[in-house]
Protein backbone atom coordinates (compact mmCIF):
# COMPACT_ATOMS: atom_id res chain seq x y z
CA MET A 1 -19.97 12.58 -25.05
CA SER A 2 -17.47 10.27 -23.34
CA ILE A 3 -14.94 11.18 -20.70
CA LYS A 4 -11.56 9.58 -21.33
CA VAL A 5 -9.60 8.17 -18.41
CA ALA A 6 -6.01 6.97 -18.93
CA VAL A 7 -5.24 4.07 -16.60
CA PHE A 8 -1.55 3.39 -15.97
CA SER A 9 0.38 0.43 -14.55
CA THR A 10 -2.46 -1.93 -15.37
CA LYS A 11 -2.37 -5.67 -14.92
CA PRO A 12 -5.03 -8.15 -16.09
CA TYR A 13 -6.80 -7.98 -12.73
CA ASP A 14 -6.93 -4.16 -12.87
CA LYS A 15 -8.58 -4.31 -16.26
CA GLN A 16 -11.04 -6.96 -15.12
CA TYR A 17 -12.29 -5.20 -11.99
CA LEU A 18 -12.15 -1.61 -13.25
CA ALA A 19 -13.83 -2.52 -16.54
CA ALA A 20 -16.60 -4.36 -14.69
CA ALA A 21 -17.31 -1.42 -12.37
CA PHE A 22 -17.24 1.13 -15.17
CA ALA A 23 -19.41 -1.09 -17.41
CA VAL A 24 -22.22 -0.71 -14.90
CA GLU A 25 -21.83 3.06 -15.04
CA ARG A 26 -21.80 2.92 -18.84
CA GLU A 27 -25.13 1.09 -18.83
CA LYS A 28 -26.58 3.81 -16.62
CA SER A 29 -25.24 6.46 -18.98
CA HIS A 30 -26.94 4.92 -21.97
CA ALA A 31 -30.15 5.14 -19.95
CA GLY A 32 -29.50 8.84 -19.40
CA ASP A 33 -28.54 8.56 -15.74
CA GLY A 34 -24.84 9.38 -15.83
CA ALA A 35 -21.66 10.22 -17.69
CA VAL A 36 -19.97 7.86 -20.14
CA PHE A 37 -16.43 7.02 -19.04
CA ASP A 38 -13.98 5.63 -21.58
CA LEU A 39 -11.10 3.73 -19.97
CA VAL A 40 -7.84 3.50 -21.89
CA PHE A 41 -5.50 0.97 -20.27
CA HIS A 42 -1.71 1.24 -20.38
CA ASP A 43 0.62 -1.44 -19.06
CA PHE A 44 3.35 1.18 -18.62
CA ALA A 45 3.90 3.15 -15.42
CA LEU A 46 3.20 6.87 -15.56
CA ASN A 47 6.36 8.96 -15.68
CA LEU A 48 7.77 11.80 -17.73
CA ASP A 49 8.49 9.44 -20.64
CA THR A 50 4.93 8.06 -20.82
CA VAL A 51 2.87 11.12 -19.92
CA ALA A 52 1.98 11.69 -23.59
CA LEU A 53 -0.20 8.57 -23.37
CA ALA A 54 -2.62 10.65 -21.29
CA ARG A 55 -3.29 13.05 -24.19
CA GLY A 56 -7.00 13.62 -24.60
CA ALA A 57 -7.85 12.26 -21.15
CA ILE A 58 -9.50 14.37 -18.47
CA ALA A 59 -8.20 12.05 -15.72
CA VAL A 60 -5.41 9.59 -15.05
CA CYS A 61 -5.81 6.56 -12.82
CA VAL A 62 -2.56 5.47 -11.17
CA PHE A 63 -1.08 3.04 -8.65
CA VAL A 64 1.68 3.03 -6.04
CA ASN A 65 4.74 3.05 -8.31
CA ASP A 66 3.57 5.66 -10.81
CA VAL A 67 5.44 8.96 -10.72
CA LEU A 68 3.46 12.13 -10.03
CA ASN A 69 6.15 14.65 -9.20
CA ALA A 70 6.08 18.32 -10.26
CA PRO A 71 7.42 17.79 -13.83
CA VAL A 72 4.93 14.97 -14.52
CA LEU A 73 2.02 16.98 -13.11
CA GLU A 74 2.98 19.97 -15.25
CA ALA A 75 3.15 17.74 -18.32
CA LEU A 76 -0.24 16.18 -17.49
CA HIS A 77 -1.76 19.62 -17.08
CA ALA A 78 -0.39 20.66 -20.47
CA GLU A 79 -2.06 17.58 -21.99
CA GLY A 80 -5.42 18.66 -20.57
CA VAL A 81 -5.59 16.27 -17.62
CA ARG A 82 -7.36 17.74 -14.61
CA ALA A 83 -7.87 14.80 -12.22
CA VAL A 84 -5.60 12.22 -10.61
CA LEU A 85 -7.34 9.10 -9.34
CA LEU A 86 -5.22 6.97 -7.03
CA ARG A 87 -6.32 3.38 -6.80
CA CYS A 88 -4.41 3.03 -3.55
CA ALA A 89 -4.40 4.57 -0.09
CA GLY A 90 -0.84 5.94 -0.07
CA PHE A 91 -0.09 9.24 -1.78
CA ASN A 92 3.57 9.81 -0.93
CA HIS A 93 4.40 9.55 -4.66
CA VAL A 94 2.24 12.61 -5.48
CA ASP A 95 3.45 16.20 -5.16
CA LEU A 96 0.23 17.45 -3.57
CA VAL A 97 1.45 21.04 -3.28
CA LYS A 98 2.13 21.21 -7.00
CA ALA A 99 -1.14 19.43 -7.75
CA GLU A 100 -3.08 21.99 -5.76
CA ASN A 101 -1.25 24.91 -7.37
CA LEU A 102 -2.15 23.53 -10.79
CA GLY A 103 -5.78 23.05 -9.77
CA PHE A 104 -5.82 19.26 -9.97
CA PHE A 105 -8.47 17.10 -8.38
CA VAL A 106 -6.64 14.32 -6.49
CA ALA A 107 -8.41 11.52 -4.62
CA ASN A 108 -7.37 8.17 -3.21
CA VAL A 109 -8.98 4.98 -1.98
CA PRO A 110 -8.34 5.42 1.75
CA SER A 111 -9.40 1.95 2.79
CA TYR A 112 -9.82 -1.19 0.75
CA SER A 113 -10.41 -4.29 2.82
CA PRO A 114 -8.08 -3.37 5.70
CA GLU A 115 -8.65 -6.88 7.02
CA ALA A 116 -6.94 -8.26 3.89
CA VAL A 117 -3.70 -6.44 4.68
CA ALA A 118 -3.92 -7.22 8.38
CA GLU A 119 -4.51 -10.91 7.71
CA PHE A 120 -1.55 -11.03 5.33
CA SER A 121 0.66 -9.36 7.94
CA VAL A 122 -0.16 -12.09 10.43
CA ALA A 123 0.26 -14.76 7.75
CA LEU A 124 3.75 -13.46 6.95
CA LEU A 125 4.64 -13.37 10.63
CA GLN A 126 3.44 -16.92 11.25
CA THR A 127 5.12 -18.21 8.10
CA LEU A 128 8.44 -16.79 9.23
CA ASN A 129 7.97 -17.68 12.88
CA ARG A 130 6.96 -21.31 12.25
CA ARG A 131 9.23 -21.75 9.19
CA THR A 132 6.38 -23.11 7.07
CA HIS A 133 8.03 -21.80 3.89
CA ARG A 134 11.09 -23.92 4.63
CA ALA A 135 8.99 -26.94 5.63
CA TYR A 136 7.09 -26.71 2.35
CA ASN A 137 10.29 -26.90 0.34
CA ARG A 138 11.69 -29.74 2.45
CA VAL A 139 8.79 -32.14 2.19
CA ARG A 140 8.64 -31.69 -1.56
CA GLU A 141 12.11 -33.28 -1.59
CA GLY A 142 11.07 -36.06 0.78
CA ASN A 143 12.74 -34.45 3.80
CA PHE A 144 10.46 -34.67 6.85
CA THR A 145 12.94 -33.70 9.55
CA LEU A 146 12.04 -30.96 12.01
CA ASP A 147 15.54 -29.64 12.74
CA GLY A 148 15.73 -25.94 12.00
CA LEU A 149 11.95 -25.46 12.00
CA LEU A 150 11.53 -24.52 15.67
CA GLY A 151 9.24 -21.55 16.23
CA THR A 152 7.60 -19.82 19.17
CA THR A 153 4.01 -19.59 20.36
CA LEU A 154 2.34 -16.24 19.72
CA HIS A 155 0.05 -16.65 22.73
CA GLY A 156 1.38 -14.55 25.59
CA LYS A 157 3.93 -12.71 23.46
CA THR A 158 4.10 -8.92 23.12
CA VAL A 159 3.28 -7.49 19.69
CA GLY A 160 4.00 -3.90 18.71
CA VAL A 161 1.53 -2.36 16.28
CA VAL A 162 2.98 0.82 14.78
CA GLY A 163 0.07 2.81 13.35
CA THR A 164 -3.50 2.23 14.50
CA GLY A 165 -5.50 3.30 11.49
CA ARG A 166 -7.97 0.88 9.92
CA ILE A 167 -5.33 -1.71 9.02
CA GLY A 168 -3.44 -1.46 12.29
CA LEU A 169 -6.70 -1.76 14.18
CA ALA A 170 -7.64 -4.89 12.22
CA ALA A 171 -4.20 -6.37 12.91
CA ALA A 172 -4.51 -5.61 16.63
CA ARG A 173 -7.83 -7.45 16.76
CA ILE A 174 -6.26 -10.55 15.18
CA PHE A 175 -3.28 -10.50 17.54
CA LYS A 176 -5.68 -10.06 20.45
CA GLY A 177 -7.42 -13.24 19.30
CA TYR A 178 -4.08 -15.06 19.47
CA GLY A 179 -3.82 -14.05 23.12
CA CYS A 180 -1.01 -11.55 22.58
CA ARG A 181 -0.24 -8.50 24.66
CA ILE A 182 -0.48 -5.53 22.31
CA LEU A 183 1.47 -2.29 22.53
CA ALA A 184 0.69 0.45 20.03
CA PHE A 185 2.40 3.60 18.84
CA ASP A 186 0.60 6.32 16.92
CA PRO A 187 0.60 10.12 17.39
CA TYR A 188 -3.16 9.96 16.83
CA LYS A 189 -4.66 7.49 19.23
CA SER A 190 -7.58 5.42 17.94
CA ASP A 191 -10.82 5.70 19.91
CA ASP A 192 -11.77 2.21 18.71
CA PHE A 193 -8.45 0.76 19.90
CA LEU A 194 -9.04 2.23 23.33
CA ALA A 195 -12.76 1.42 23.47
CA GLU A 196 -12.17 -2.22 22.54
CA LYS A 197 -9.34 -2.46 25.08
CA LEU A 198 -7.07 -4.05 22.50
CA GLY A 199 -3.91 -2.98 24.28
CA GLU A 200 -1.93 -0.03 25.52
CA TYR A 201 -0.34 2.93 23.78
CA GLU A 202 3.30 3.84 24.29
CA ASP A 203 4.25 7.49 24.04
CA ASP A 204 7.48 6.85 22.16
CA LEU A 205 8.59 4.24 19.64
CA ASP A 206 11.80 3.30 21.45
CA THR A 207 9.89 2.19 24.54
CA LEU A 208 7.58 0.04 22.43
CA LEU A 209 10.39 -1.59 20.46
CA SER A 210 12.33 -2.59 23.56
CA GLN A 211 9.42 -4.69 24.85
CA CYS A 212 8.12 -6.41 21.72
CA ASP A 213 8.72 -9.92 20.45
CA PHE A 214 7.08 -9.01 17.14
CA VAL A 215 6.63 -5.61 15.48
CA SER A 216 4.16 -4.95 12.66
CA LEU A 217 4.22 -1.67 10.73
CA HIS A 218 0.91 -0.14 9.63
CA CYS A 219 1.61 3.56 9.15
CA PRO A 220 1.66 5.76 6.03
CA LEU A 221 4.91 6.97 4.48
CA THR A 222 5.44 10.63 5.34
CA LYS A 223 8.44 12.80 6.11
CA SER A 224 8.10 11.89 9.78
CA THR A 225 7.83 8.13 9.15
CA HIS A 226 10.46 7.81 6.42
CA HIS A 227 13.03 5.30 7.69
CA ILE A 228 11.25 5.06 11.04
CA ILE A 229 13.10 1.76 11.29
CA ASN A 230 16.77 2.72 11.16
CA GLU A 231 20.07 2.01 12.88
CA HIS A 232 18.92 3.75 16.08
CA THR A 233 15.48 2.14 16.34
CA LEU A 234 16.79 -1.30 15.37
CA ALA A 235 19.24 -1.11 18.26
CA LYS A 236 16.29 -0.45 20.59
CA MET A 237 14.46 -3.58 19.45
CA LYS A 238 14.34 -6.61 21.72
CA PRO A 239 17.04 -9.10 20.64
CA GLY A 240 15.54 -11.80 18.44
CA ALA A 241 12.40 -9.81 17.59
CA ILE A 242 10.70 -10.29 14.21
CA LEU A 243 9.79 -7.26 12.08
CA VAL A 244 6.89 -7.22 9.59
CA ASN A 245 6.15 -4.48 7.06
CA THR A 246 3.08 -4.49 4.81
CA SER A 247 2.70 -0.69 4.62
CA ARG A 248 5.31 1.21 2.61
CA GLY A 249 8.88 0.20 1.84
CA GLY A 250 10.29 3.59 2.77
CA LEU A 251 9.43 3.03 6.42
CA ILE A 252 12.51 0.80 6.67
CA SER A 253 16.12 1.67 5.95
CA THR A 254 17.38 -1.51 4.32
CA ARG A 255 21.11 -1.36 5.00
CA PRO A 256 20.82 -1.22 8.84
CA VAL A 257 18.31 -4.10 8.67
CA ILE A 258 20.88 -6.22 6.83
CA ALA A 259 23.44 -5.35 9.50
CA ALA A 260 21.00 -6.26 12.30
CA LEU A 261 20.30 -9.60 10.62
CA LYS A 262 24.00 -10.35 10.20
CA SER A 263 24.67 -9.59 13.88
CA ARG A 264 21.73 -11.86 14.87
CA HIS A 265 20.17 -8.97 16.80
CA LEU A 266 17.10 -9.09 14.55
CA GLY A 267 15.36 -12.44 14.62
CA GLY A 268 13.74 -12.13 11.21
CA VAL A 269 12.09 -9.80 8.71
CA ALA A 270 8.94 -10.29 6.63
CA LEU A 271 8.45 -7.71 3.91
CA ASP A 272 5.60 -7.24 1.48
CA VAL A 273 7.04 -3.85 0.50
CA TYR A 274 10.54 -2.59 -0.15
CA GLU A 275 11.95 0.91 -0.45
CA GLY A 276 13.44 0.16 -3.87
CA GLU A 277 10.44 -1.72 -5.24
CA SER A 278 9.56 0.76 -7.98
CA GLY A 279 10.52 -0.75 -11.32
CA LEU A 280 10.73 -4.24 -9.82
CA PHE A 281 7.47 -5.16 -8.15
CA TYR A 282 4.41 -6.19 -10.19
CA ASN A 283 6.63 -7.33 -13.08
CA ASP A 284 8.32 -10.61 -14.01
CA HIS A 285 12.11 -10.33 -13.71
CA SER A 286 12.78 -14.06 -13.48
CA GLY A 287 14.90 -13.93 -16.63
CA ASP A 288 16.73 -10.73 -15.69
CA ILE A 289 19.75 -9.87 -13.60
CA ILE A 290 18.38 -7.81 -10.72
CA GLU A 291 20.85 -5.05 -9.97
CA ASP A 292 19.51 -4.12 -6.53
CA ASP A 293 22.27 -5.57 -4.34
CA GLU A 294 20.50 -4.81 -1.06
CA LEU A 295 17.33 -6.64 -2.07
CA MET A 296 19.37 -9.59 -3.32
CA ARG A 297 21.34 -9.68 -0.06
CA LEU A 298 18.13 -9.64 1.95
CA MET A 299 16.81 -12.66 0.12
CA THR A 300 19.88 -14.72 1.01
CA PHE A 301 18.88 -14.83 4.68
CA PRO A 302 16.90 -17.90 5.75
CA ASN A 303 14.97 -15.74 8.25
CA VAL A 304 13.74 -13.21 5.66
CA ILE A 305 10.59 -13.40 3.55
CA VAL A 306 10.00 -10.92 0.71
CA CYS A 307 6.72 -10.74 -1.19
CA GLY A 308 5.75 -8.48 -4.07
CA HIS A 309 3.32 -6.01 -2.46
CA GLN A 310 0.39 -8.42 -2.48
CA ALA A 311 -1.14 -7.93 0.98
CA PHE A 312 -4.11 -6.06 -0.50
CA PHE A 313 -4.66 -8.63 -3.23
CA THR A 314 -8.12 -10.07 -2.54
CA VAL A 315 -11.37 -10.10 -4.46
CA GLU A 316 -12.95 -7.81 -1.88
CA ALA A 317 -10.14 -5.26 -2.10
CA LEU A 318 -10.15 -5.14 -5.91
CA ASN A 319 -13.91 -4.61 -5.94
CA GLU A 320 -13.58 -1.83 -3.39
CA ILE A 321 -10.75 -0.13 -5.30
CA ALA A 322 -12.76 -0.15 -8.52
CA SER A 323 -15.98 1.13 -6.97
CA VAL A 324 -14.34 3.90 -4.93
CA THR A 325 -12.22 5.00 -7.89
CA LEU A 326 -15.38 5.27 -9.97
CA GLN A 327 -17.14 7.24 -7.22
CA ASN A 328 -14.18 9.62 -6.92
CA LEU A 329 -14.31 10.25 -10.66
CA ALA A 330 -18.06 10.81 -10.53
CA ASP A 331 -17.62 13.33 -7.69
CA PHE A 332 -15.10 15.21 -9.83
CA VAL A 333 -17.24 15.19 -12.95
CA LEU A 334 -20.39 16.25 -11.10
CA SER A 335 -18.55 18.72 -8.83
CA HIS A 336 -19.80 16.89 -5.75
CA PRO A 337 -17.85 17.12 -2.48
CA CYS A 338 -15.45 14.18 -2.46
CA PRO A 339 -14.67 12.65 0.94
CA ASN A 340 -11.45 11.17 -0.46
CA SER A 341 -10.06 14.39 -1.94
CA LEU A 342 -6.43 15.07 -1.03
CA VAL A 343 -6.33 18.72 -2.10
CA ARG A 344 -8.35 21.61 -0.75
CA SER A 345 -9.28 23.14 -4.08
CA HIS A 346 -9.44 22.16 -7.72
CA LYS A 347 -10.88 23.44 -10.95
CA LEU A 348 -14.53 22.53 -11.19
CA PHE A 349 -15.84 20.13 -13.76
CA VAL A 350 -19.61 20.01 -14.13
CA ARG A 351 -22.13 18.44 -16.45
CA ARG A 352 -24.62 20.61 -18.32
CA ASP A 353 -27.28 19.13 -20.55
CA SER A 354 -25.70 15.70 -20.11
CA TYR A 355 -22.31 16.93 -21.38
CA PRO A 356 -19.26 17.62 -19.22
CA VAL A 357 -18.19 21.27 -19.30
CA ARG A 358 -15.18 22.79 -17.58
CA ILE A 359 -15.71 26.15 -15.90
């Protein structure tokens, strides 16, 4: 008996890596060692209009821009879905209280190649700082002048790392290698950060921002971090500082950032995420009129770089996402304790005589 999993917001690379990981499990199942999982891929995002596509599935597998609010969770439950598998670390788009009340199993992939995101953060910063994106375009037109390409040396500069989880820690190590002074802000101080003497913690964000030449955001999106970069905190930033965000778009309030860029107080912004990215990112809109005026305004600045949420996008990360997603599903099916579970309780799902049985 197969266990159907509806996979939403899938791209060719999702299908490739998930199918490969689950194919190994399928081979085991035919040998009598495990359950048979049947993946059904949907290019569409999960929302109230597409929830019917999950009919007959015991689990849905979703990404960052899928909608899992209370109405969607209720509709999924009515369709017989009992597990939500996030192939991402963030879970701000899931109503966890409602999920727990309905008895859902919800699990994420808490860490997939944190070095990939950290490396991309530094790459964005150096691209913006040294104007390599502008130099690339110039030389393709035969223009080899250096005017307007002046940058600064990272060595000896102060970098603020906001959030010292796995990704923030990896970023701090890279900046340390550049010879930067590192200041960190996180309500939960990292033992590794302290043990490795990567830098110093500041007790409040304002104090950190006022000292930093560069600021890199590496914290999750929660109620307390929503718009952590706003009119007040931008005013506290050192004039000319560069801001990098590869975490979640909602950490930054876009309108005050535009104002800070126009006033020249902010030296530049590099974004791999954007608070209005849902419905835009991961899709080709090159032939469309994009109606998000704030995003379009941002991209008119020569000192702004916007990417499409690709910091995670490495072979290593995609392999990790697929394997951890599969393990989370197996923990649910076999009623094993799941280290990545985001809810305290859920309806059990166990296998008896090689067949899955809900109890």
